[in-house]
């Protein structure tokens, strides 16, 4: 497989991964909203600590999602730089 085909394939994979990441992020956002709506039911109960654990997990998952998205974008930028004619010399 030549370099252009390989880069094209990688760009396609980037688009797919970014789509999956965006869908996952939207799902977490929905779950976070649902948890916030349920929060009043658990205030001042023994389950409040568990609710806080879920909130912390959502925060951490969002951080990881953002890091993955950034790494994919950085790799995409790297591929674009490699595609520049000056890089071929």
C-alpha atoms as a PDB file:
ATOM      1  CA  UNK A   1       0.000   0.000   0.000  1.00  0.00           C
ATOM      2  CA  UNK A   2       1.486   3.357  -0.961  1.00  0.00           C
ATOM      3  CA  UNK A   3       1.872   6.314   1.387  1.00  0.00           C
ATOM      4  CA  UNK A   4      -1.105   8.255  -0.020  1.00  0.00           C
ATOM      5  CA  UNK A   5      -3.429   5.264   0.387  1.00  0.00           C
ATOM      6  CA  UNK A   6      -2.148   4.664   3.912  1.00  0.00           C
ATOM      7  CA  UNK A   7      -2.703   8.298   4.883  1.00  0.00           C
ATOM      8  CA  UNK A   8      -6.155   8.240   3.325  1.00  0.00           C
ATOM      9  CA  UNK A   9      -6.998   5.153   5.348  1.00  0.00           C
ATOM     10  CA  UNK A  10      -5.690   6.782   8.527  1.00  0.00           C
ATOM     11  CA  UNK A  11      -7.737   9.937   7.911  1.00  0.00           C
ATOM     12  CA  UNK A  12     -10.803   7.755   7.431  1.00  0.00           C
ATOM     13  CA  UNK A  13     -10.081   5.952  10.687  1.00  0.00           C
ATOM     14  CA  UNK A  14      -9.638   9.309  12.430  1.00  0.00           C
ATOM     15  CA  UNK A  15     -13.065  10.410  11.247  1.00  0.00           C
ATOM     16  CA  UNK A  16     -14.584   7.157  12.505  1.00  0.00           C
ATOM     17  CA  UNK A  17     -12.850   7.388  15.876  1.00  0.00           C
ATOM     18  CA  UNK A  18     -13.856  11.026  16.311  1.00  0.00           C
ATOM     19  CA  UNK A  19     -17.470  10.084  15.548  1.00  0.00           C
ATOM     20  CA  UNK A  20     -17.369   7.298  18.158  1.00  0.00           C
ATOM     21  CA  UNK A  21     -15.793   9.660  20.683  1.00  0.00           C
ATOM     22  CA  UNK A  22     -18.450  12.312  20.048  1.00  0.00           C
ATOM     23  CA  UNK A  23     -21.231   9.737  20.433  1.00  0.00           C
ATOM     24  CA  UNK A  24     -19.711   8.466  23.667  1.00  0.00           C
ATOM     25  CA  UNK A  25     -19.353  11.996  24.980  1.00  0.00           C
ATOM     26  CA  UNK A  26     -23.018  12.689  24.174  1.00  0.00           C
ATOM     27  CA  UNK A  27     -24.045   9.508  25.991  1.00  0.00           C
ATOM     28  CA  UNK A  28     -22.087  10.517  29.071  1.00  0.00           C
ATOM     29  CA  UNK A  29     -23.655  13.964  28.920  1.00  0.00           C
ATOM     30  CA  UNK A  30     -27.115  12.364  28.842  1.00  0.00           C
ATOM     31  CA  UNK A  31     -26.257  10.065  31.748  1.00  0.00           C
ATOM     32  CA  UNK A  32     -24.895  13.029  33.714  1.00  0.00           C
ATOM     33  CA  UNK A  33     -28.186  14.900  33.204  1.00  0.00           C
ATOM     34  CA  UNK A  34     -30.163  11.870  34.320  1.00  0.00           C
ATOM     35  CA  UNK A  35     -28.005  11.575  37.415  1.00  0.00           C
ATOM     36  CA  UNK A  36     -28.515  15.271  38.185  1.00  0.00           C
ATOM     37  CA  UNK A  37     -32.300  14.813  37.900  1.00  0.00           C
ATOM     38  CA  UNK A  38     -32.145  11.857  40.289  1.00  0.00           C
ATOM     39  CA  UNK A  39     -29.825  13.664  42.710  1.00  0.00           C
ATOM     40  CA  UNK A  40     -32.596  15.200  44.866  1.00  0.00           C
ATOM     41  CA  UNK A  41     -33.937  11.703  45.566  1.00  0.00           C
ATOM     42  CA  UNK A  42     -30.636  10.699  47.150  1.00  0.00           C
ATOM     43  CA  UNK A  43     -29.746  13.829  49.108  1.00  0.00           C
ATOM     44  CA  UNK A  44     -29.155  13.080  52.766  1.00  0.00           C
ATOM     45  CA  UNK A  45     -29.302   9.309  52.223  1.00  0.00           C
ATOM     46  CA  UNK A  46     -26.659   6.623  52.567  1.00  0.00           C
ATOM     47  CA  UNK A  47     -26.611   6.394  48.753  1.00  0.00           C
ATOM     48  CA  UNK A  48     -25.277   9.930  48.315  1.00  0.00           C
ATOM     49  CA  UNK A  49     -21.664   8.693  48.426  1.00  0.00           C
ATOM     50  CA  UNK A  50     -22.434   6.320  45.554  1.00  0.00           C
ATOM     51  CA  UNK A  51     -23.974   9.152  43.532  1.00  0.00           C
ATOM     52  CA  UNK A  52     -20.815  11.205  44.083  1.00  0.00           C
ATOM     53  CA  UNK A  53     -18.726   8.273  42.875  1.00  0.00           C
ATOM     54  CA  UNK A  54     -20.712   8.213  39.637  1.00  0.00           C
ATOM     55  CA  UNK A  55     -20.281  11.959  39.234  1.00  0.00           C
ATOM     56  CA  UNK A  56     -16.533  11.584  39.685  1.00  0.00           C
ATOM     57  CA  UNK A  57     -16.439   8.757  37.149  1.00  0.00           C
ATOM     58  CA  UNK A  58     -18.275  10.914  34.608  1.00  0.00           C
ATOM     59  CA  UNK A  59     -15.776  13.717  35.158  1.00  0.00           C
ATOM     60  CA  UNK A  60     -12.853  11.319  34.652  1.00  0.00           C
ATOM     61  CA  UNK A  61     -14.422   9.746  31.567  1.00  0.00           C
ATOM     62  CA  UNK A  62     -14.909  13.199  30.025  1.00  0.00           C
ATOM     63  CA  UNK A  63     -11.250  13.974  30.696  1.00  0.00           C
ATOM     64  CA  UNK A  64     -10.143  10.732  29.006  1.00  0.00           C
ATOM     65  CA  UNK A  65     -12.461  11.383  26.050  1.00  0.00           C
ATOM     66  CA  UNK A  66     -11.028  14.873  25.633  1.00  0.00           C
ATOM     67  CA  UNK A  67      -7.476  13.493  25.840  1.00  0.00           C
ATOM     68  CA  UNK A  68      -8.216  10.846  23.198  1.00  0.00           C
ATOM     69  CA  UNK A  69      -9.819  13.426  20.922  1.00  0.00           C
ATOM     70  CA  UNK A  70      -6.764  15.662  21.313  1.00  0.00           C
ATOM     71  CA  UNK A  71      -4.352  12.808  20.549  1.00  0.00           C
ATOM     72  CA  UNK A  72      -6.279  11.873  17.414  1.00  0.00           C
ATOM     73  CA  UNK A  73      -6.255  15.495  16.251  1.00  0.00           C
ATOM     74  CA  UNK A  74      -2.510  15.738  16.954  1.00  0.00           C
ATOM     75  CA  UNK A  75      -1.879  12.608  14.903  1.00  0.00           C
ATOM     76  CA  UNK A  76      -4.038  14.008  12.118  1.00  0.00           C
ATOM     77  CA  UNK A  77      -1.961  17.213  12.165  1.00  0.00           C
ATOM     78  CA  UNK A  78       1.207  15.121  12.025  1.00  0.00           C
ATOM     79  CA  UNK A  79      -0.106  13.256   8.972  1.00  0.00           C
ATOM     80  CA  UNK A  80      -0.962  16.535   7.274  1.00  0.00           C
ATOM     81  CA  UNK A  81       2.566  17.813   7.900  1.00  0.00           C
ATOM     82  CA  UNK A  82       4.007  14.627   6.427  1.00  0.00           C
ATOM     83  CA  UNK A  83       1.867  15.168   3.352  1.00  0.00           C
ATOM     84  CA  UNK A  84       3.436  18.579   2.704  1.00  0.00           C
ATOM     85  CA  UNK A  85       5.909  18.630  -0.242  1.00  0.00           C
ATOM     86  CA  UNK A  86       8.689  20.125   1.891  1.00  0.00           C
ATOM     87  CA  UNK A  87       8.528  17.081   4.154  1.00  0.00           C
ATOM     88  CA  UNK A  88       9.258  14.741   1.244  1.00  0.00           C
ATOM     89  CA  UNK A  89      12.722  16.197   0.659  1.00  0.00           C
END
